[in-house]
Amino acid sequence: MYEAFINTFNIMLEIKDYFRKKWEEHLDSDDLLKKYKAKQFIKVIEKANRLENFDLALFEKMVEKIVVFENKTIEFSMFDGIEVECKI
């Protein structure tokens, strides 16, 4: 699971412009939680470097829940509503 999060985060960094655009759309939201999380995620992704090791503090900021499926797939549900699936 740690490796899956590291890989997921590193992929998010590679396509951070895509995610930044999605989060910037939430900055005008009336939903204060969406707005707060969008600001937080933008800040995290802009300051971040590729992960080599698991970062618990980062994980706790980003991941709301994890679902593990029988077909060896993990789904990370992020606090901003994005869901990312990974094969393990």
N, C-alpha and C. Protein backbone atom coordinates (compact mmCIF):
# COMPACT_ATOMS: atom_id res chain seq x y z
N MET A 1 0.82 -1.19 0.00
CA MET A 1 0.00 0.00 0.00
C MET A 1 0.87 1.26 0.00
N TYR A 2 1.97 1.25 0.75
CA TYR A 2 2.84 2.41 0.78
C TYR A 2 3.37 2.72 -0.62
N GLU A 3 3.81 1.68 -1.31
CA GLU A 3 4.35 1.86 -2.66
C GLU A 3 3.28 2.38 -3.62
N ALA A 4 2.06 1.91 -3.46
CA ALA A 4 0.96 2.38 -4.31
C ALA A 4 0.72 3.87 -4.11
N PHE A 5 0.76 4.33 -2.86
CA PHE A 5 0.59 5.76 -2.61
C PHE A 5 1.74 6.57 -3.20
N ILE A 6 2.96 6.09 -3.01
CA ILE A 6 4.13 6.78 -3.56
C ILE A 6 3.99 6.91 -5.08
N ASN A 7 3.63 5.82 -5.74
CA ASN A 7 3.48 5.84 -7.20
C ASN A 7 2.35 6.79 -7.62
N THR A 8 1.24 6.74 -6.90
CA THR A 8 0.10 7.61 -7.21
C THR A 8 0.49 9.07 -7.07
N PHE A 9 1.15 9.41 -5.97
CA PHE A 9 1.54 10.80 -5.75
C PHE A 9 2.53 11.27 -6.82
N ASN A 10 3.48 10.42 -7.17
CA ASN A 10 4.47 10.80 -8.18
C ASN A 10 3.82 11.01 -9.55
N ILE A 11 2.82 10.21 -9.87
CA ILE A 11 2.08 10.42 -11.12
C ILE A 11 1.32 11.74 -11.07
N MET A 12 0.72 12.04 -9.91
CA MET A 12 0.03 13.32 -9.77
C MET A 12 0.99 14.49 -9.99
N LEU A 13 2.22 14.34 -9.51
CA LEU A 13 3.22 15.39 -9.73
C LEU A 13 3.54 15.55 -11.21
N GLU A 14 3.64 14.42 -11.93
CA GLU A 14 3.97 14.47 -13.35
C GLU A 14 2.91 15.20 -14.17
N ILE A 15 1.65 15.08 -13.75
CA ILE A 15 0.56 15.75 -14.47
C ILE A 15 -0.12 16.79 -13.58
N LYS A 16 0.70 17.48 -12.80
CA LYS A 16 0.16 18.42 -11.81
C LYS A 16 -0.63 19.56 -12.44
N ASP A 17 -0.32 19.93 -13.67
CA ASP A 17 -1.10 20.99 -14.33
C ASP A 17 -2.56 20.59 -14.48
N TYR A 18 -2.79 19.33 -14.80
CA TYR A 18 -4.16 18.80 -14.91
C TYR A 18 -4.88 18.92 -13.57
N PHE A 19 -4.23 18.48 -12.51
CA PHE A 19 -4.85 18.54 -11.19
C PHE A 19 -5.01 19.97 -10.70
N ARG A 20 -4.01 20.81 -10.96
CA ARG A 20 -4.10 22.21 -10.52
C ARG A 20 -5.32 22.87 -11.15
N LYS A 21 -5.59 22.62 -12.43
CA LYS A 21 -6.77 23.19 -13.08
C LYS A 21 -8.05 22.73 -12.40
N LYS A 22 -8.12 21.44 -12.05
CA LYS A 22 -9.31 20.91 -11.36
C LYS A 22 -9.48 21.60 -10.00
N TRP A 23 -8.39 21.76 -9.27
CA TRP A 23 -8.47 22.37 -7.94
C TRP A 23 -8.79 23.85 -8.04
N GLU A 24 -8.26 24.53 -9.05
CA GLU A 24 -8.55 25.95 -9.21
C GLU A 24 -10.03 26.19 -9.48
N GLU A 25 -10.69 25.24 -10.12
CA GLU A 25 -12.14 25.35 -10.34
C GLU A 25 -12.89 25.39 -9.02
N HIS A 26 -12.34 24.74 -7.99
CA HIS A 26 -13.00 24.69 -6.68
C HIS A 26 -12.77 25.95 -5.85
N LEU A 27 -11.84 26.79 -6.27
CA LEU A 27 -11.53 27.99 -5.48
C LEU A 27 -12.69 28.98 -5.44
N ASP A 28 -13.59 28.91 -6.43
CA ASP A 28 -14.76 29.80 -6.46
C ASP A 28 -16.01 29.12 -5.90
N SER A 29 -15.84 27.94 -5.36
CA SER A 29 -16.98 27.16 -4.87
C SER A 29 -17.58 27.80 -3.61
N ASP A 30 -18.88 27.60 -3.46
CA ASP A 30 -19.56 28.00 -2.22
C ASP A 30 -19.30 26.99 -1.11
N ASP A 31 -18.84 25.82 -1.49
CA ASP A 31 -18.53 24.76 -0.53
C ASP A 31 -17.17 25.07 0.10
N LEU A 32 -17.20 25.50 1.35
CA LEU A 32 -15.98 25.93 2.03
C LEU A 32 -14.95 24.82 2.18
N LEU A 33 -15.42 23.59 2.37
CA LEU A 33 -14.48 22.47 2.51
C LEU A 33 -13.76 22.20 1.18
N LYS A 34 -14.51 22.23 0.07
CA LYS A 34 -13.89 22.05 -1.25
C LYS A 34 -12.85 23.14 -1.50
N LYS A 35 -13.20 24.36 -1.17
CA LYS A 35 -12.31 25.49 -1.37
C LYS A 35 -11.04 25.33 -0.52
N TYR A 36 -11.22 24.96 0.73
CA TYR A 36 -10.08 24.76 1.64
C TYR A 36 -9.16 23.65 1.13
N LYS A 37 -9.75 22.51 0.75
CA LYS A 37 -8.95 21.37 0.28
C LYS A 37 -8.25 21.70 -1.02
N ALA A 38 -8.92 22.44 -1.90
CA ALA A 38 -8.29 22.83 -3.17
C ALA A 38 -7.05 23.68 -2.89
N LYS A 39 -7.16 24.65 -1.99
CA LYS A 39 -6.01 25.48 -1.63
C LYS A 39 -4.89 24.63 -1.05
N GLN A 40 -5.27 23.71 -0.17
CA GLN A 40 -4.29 22.84 0.48
C GLN A 40 -3.58 21.97 -0.55
N PHE A 41 -4.33 21.37 -1.46
CA PHE A 41 -3.74 20.47 -2.46
C PHE A 41 -2.83 21.24 -3.41
N ILE A 42 -3.24 22.44 -3.82
CA ILE A 42 -2.40 23.26 -4.70
C ILE A 42 -1.07 23.56 -4.00
N LYS A 43 -1.15 23.93 -2.75
CA LYS A 43 0.05 24.24 -1.99
C LYS A 43 0.96 23.02 -1.88
N VAL A 44 0.39 21.88 -1.58
CA VAL A 44 1.17 20.65 -1.44
C VAL A 44 1.84 20.28 -2.75
N ILE A 45 1.09 20.29 -3.84
CA ILE A 45 1.61 19.82 -5.13
C ILE A 45 2.68 20.78 -5.67
N GLU A 46 2.56 22.08 -5.36
CA GLU A 46 3.53 23.05 -5.84
C GLU A 46 4.86 22.94 -5.10
N LYS A 47 4.82 22.56 -3.84
CA LYS A 47 6.04 22.47 -3.03
C LYS A 47 6.68 21.09 -3.06
N ALA A 48 5.97 20.12 -3.55
CA ALA A 48 6.40 18.72 -3.43
C ALA A 48 7.47 18.34 -4.44
N ASN A 49 8.26 17.39 -4.01
CA ASN A 49 9.21 16.70 -4.87
C ASN A 49 8.76 15.25 -4.98
N ARG A 50 9.31 14.55 -5.95
CA ARG A 50 8.99 13.12 -6.08
C ARG A 50 9.27 12.40 -4.76
N LEU A 51 8.37 11.51 -4.42
CA LEU A 51 8.55 10.72 -3.21
C LEU A 51 9.44 9.51 -3.49
N GLU A 52 10.34 9.28 -2.59
CA GLU A 52 11.15 8.06 -2.62
C GLU A 52 10.69 7.12 -1.51
N ASN A 53 10.20 7.72 -0.42
CA ASN A 53 9.75 6.98 0.75
C ASN A 53 8.34 7.44 1.13
N PHE A 54 7.64 6.61 1.85
CA PHE A 54 6.29 6.93 2.30
C PHE A 54 6.34 8.11 3.26
N ASP A 55 5.44 9.05 3.07
CA ASP A 55 5.34 10.25 3.90
C ASP A 55 3.96 10.25 4.57
N LEU A 56 3.93 9.88 5.84
CA LEU A 56 2.67 9.75 6.57
C LEU A 56 1.92 11.08 6.65
N ALA A 57 2.62 12.16 6.90
CA ALA A 57 1.96 13.47 7.01
C ALA A 57 1.28 13.85 5.69
N LEU A 58 1.96 13.61 4.59
CA LEU A 58 1.39 13.89 3.27
C LEU A 58 0.19 12.99 3.00
N PHE A 59 0.33 11.73 3.31
CA PHE A 59 -0.76 10.77 3.15
C PHE A 59 -2.00 11.23 3.91
N GLU A 60 -1.83 11.65 5.15
CA GLU A 60 -2.95 12.08 5.98
C GLU A 60 -3.60 13.36 5.46
N LYS A 61 -2.84 14.21 4.79
CA LYS A 61 -3.40 15.44 4.20
C LYS A 61 -4.24 15.14 2.98
N MET A 62 -3.89 14.09 2.25
CA MET A 62 -4.49 13.86 0.94
C MET A 62 -5.53 12.76 0.88
N VAL A 63 -5.33 11.68 1.61
CA VAL A 63 -6.16 10.48 1.44
C VAL A 63 -7.27 10.41 2.49
N GLU A 64 -8.50 10.35 2.00
CA GLU A 64 -9.66 10.22 2.88
C GLU A 64 -9.91 8.75 3.23
N LYS A 65 -9.84 7.89 2.21
CA LYS A 65 -10.06 6.46 2.46
C LYS A 65 -9.39 5.63 1.38
N ILE A 66 -9.22 4.36 1.69
CA ILE A 66 -8.63 3.39 0.76
C ILE A 66 -9.58 2.21 0.67
N VAL A 67 -9.81 1.76 -0.56
CA VAL A 67 -10.61 0.55 -0.78
C VAL A 67 -9.71 -0.45 -1.49
N VAL A 68 -9.66 -1.66 -0.95
CA VAL A 68 -8.86 -2.73 -1.55
C VAL A 68 -9.83 -3.74 -2.16
N PHE A 69 -9.64 -4.01 -3.44
CA PHE A 69 -10.51 -4.93 -4.16
C PHE A 69 -9.84 -6.30 -4.30
N GLU A 70 -10.65 -7.32 -4.53
CA GLU A 70 -10.15 -8.69 -4.66
C GLU A 70 -9.24 -8.87 -5.87
N ASN A 71 -9.39 -8.03 -6.88
CA ASN A 71 -8.60 -8.17 -8.10
C ASN A 71 -7.23 -7.47 -7.98
N LYS A 72 -6.76 -7.29 -6.75
CA LYS A 72 -5.46 -6.67 -6.47
C LYS A 72 -5.39 -5.22 -6.96
N THR A 73 -6.48 -4.52 -6.78
CA THR A 73 -6.55 -3.10 -7.10
C THR A 73 -6.84 -2.32 -5.82
N ILE A 74 -6.18 -1.20 -5.67
CA ILE A 74 -6.42 -0.29 -4.56
C ILE A 74 -7.00 0.99 -5.13
N GLU A 75 -8.00 1.53 -4.45
CA GLU A 75 -8.56 2.82 -4.84
C GLU A 75 -8.33 3.81 -3.71
N PHE A 76 -7.61 4.88 -4.03
CA PHE A 76 -7.41 5.96 -3.07
C PHE A 76 -8.47 7.01 -3.33
N SER A 77 -9.25 7.35 -2.32
CA SER A 77 -10.21 8.46 -2.40
C SER A 77 -9.57 9.64 -1.69
N MET A 78 -9.30 10.67 -2.46
CA MET A 78 -8.64 11.85 -1.92
C MET A 78 -9.69 12.78 -1.30
N PHE A 79 -9.23 13.65 -0.42
CA PHE A 79 -10.14 14.59 0.23
C PHE A 79 -10.79 15.57 -0.73
N ASP A 80 -10.20 15.74 -1.91
CA ASP A 80 -10.79 16.65 -2.89
C ASP A 80 -11.82 15.97 -3.78
N GLY A 81 -12.08 14.68 -3.55
CA GLY A 81 -13.08 13.95 -4.32
C GLY A 81 -12.51 13.10 -5.44
N ILE A 82 -11.25 13.28 -5.77
CA ILE A 82 -10.62 12.48 -6.82
C ILE A 82 -10.41 11.05 -6.31
N GLU A 83 -10.68 10.09 -7.18
CA GLU A 83 -10.44 8.69 -6.86
C GLU A 83 -9.42 8.15 -7.85
N VAL A 84 -8.40 7.50 -7.33
CA VAL A 84 -7.31 6.97 -8.15
C VAL A 84 -7.17 5.49 -7.87
N GLU A 85 -7.19 4.69 -8.94
CA GLU A 85 -7.02 3.24 -8.80
C GLU A 85 -5.60 2.85 -9.16
N CYS A 86 -5.07 1.87 -8.42
CA CYS A 86 -3.73 1.34 -8.67
C CYS A 86 -3.76 -0.16 -8.60
N LYS A 87 -3.04 -0.79 -9.49
CA LYS A 87 -2.84 -2.24 -9.41
C LYS A 87 -1.71 -2.50 -8.43
N ILE A 88 -1.87 -3.54 -7.63
CA ILE A 88 -0.78 -3.89 -6.70
C ILE A 88 -0.24 -5.26 -7.05
